[in-house]
Amino acid sequence: MTQKQLAMECGVARQTINCIENDKYDPTLELAFKLSKILKVKVDDLFIYE
């Protein structure tokens, strides 16, 4: 899945997905849950709180 495809499914800009991947942006709780649902992983596995 491309960043563009993921962004479209989440309703955000592709740049948002890029920033999340590069640890330059922390998603909202709503977006974190959307991402985990789309990617079929638990939020805890997708994001690690340090």
Protein backbone atom coordinates (compact mmCIF):
# COMPACT_ATOMS: atom_id res chain seq x y z
CA MET A 1 0.00 0.00 0.00
CA THR A 2 1.38 3.39 -0.93
CA GLN A 3 1.41 6.45 1.31
CA LYS A 4 -1.10 8.04 -1.04
CA GLN A 5 -3.49 5.08 -0.83
CA LEU A 6 -3.23 4.94 2.95
CA ALA A 7 -3.73 8.69 3.25
CA MET A 8 -6.82 8.56 1.05
CA GLU A 9 -8.37 5.80 3.17
CA CYS A 10 -7.64 7.76 6.35
CA GLY A 11 -8.79 11.09 4.96
CA VAL A 12 -5.45 12.85 5.42
CA ALA A 13 -2.72 14.21 3.16
CA ARG A 14 0.06 11.93 1.95
CA GLN A 15 2.52 14.24 3.71
CA THR A 16 0.82 13.40 7.03
CA ILE A 17 1.56 9.71 6.53
CA ASN A 18 5.14 10.55 5.59
CA CYS A 19 5.61 12.65 8.73
CA ILE A 20 4.20 9.88 10.93
CA GLU A 21 6.59 7.37 9.37
CA ASN A 22 9.53 9.71 9.99
CA ASP A 23 8.59 10.52 13.62
CA LYS A 24 7.90 14.16 12.78
CA TYR A 25 4.19 14.02 13.67
CA ASP A 26 2.19 12.24 16.35
CA PRO A 27 -1.23 11.32 14.99
CA THR A 28 -4.44 12.04 16.81
CA LEU A 29 -6.00 9.15 18.65
CA GLU A 30 -8.68 8.95 15.97
CA LEU A 31 -6.10 8.74 13.18
CA ALA A 32 -4.06 6.16 15.10
CA PHE A 33 -7.13 3.93 15.36
CA LYS A 34 -7.97 4.43 11.66
CA LEU A 35 -4.43 3.45 10.71
CA SER A 36 -4.48 0.35 12.90
CA LYS A 37 -7.83 -0.74 11.48
CA ILE A 38 -6.76 -0.24 7.87
CA LEU A 39 -3.40 -1.95 8.41
CA LYS A 40 -5.02 -4.70 10.52
CA VAL A 41 -2.67 -4.36 13.47
CA LYS A 42 -3.16 -3.32 17.08
CA VAL A 43 -2.47 0.31 17.90
CA ASP A 44 0.08 -0.89 20.47
CA ASP A 45 1.98 -2.69 17.71
CA LEU A 46 1.82 0.28 15.36
CA PHE A 47 2.94 2.96 17.83
CA ILE A 48 5.40 2.56 20.68
CA TYR A 49 5.24 5.08 23.49
CA GLU A 50 8.65 5.98 24.88
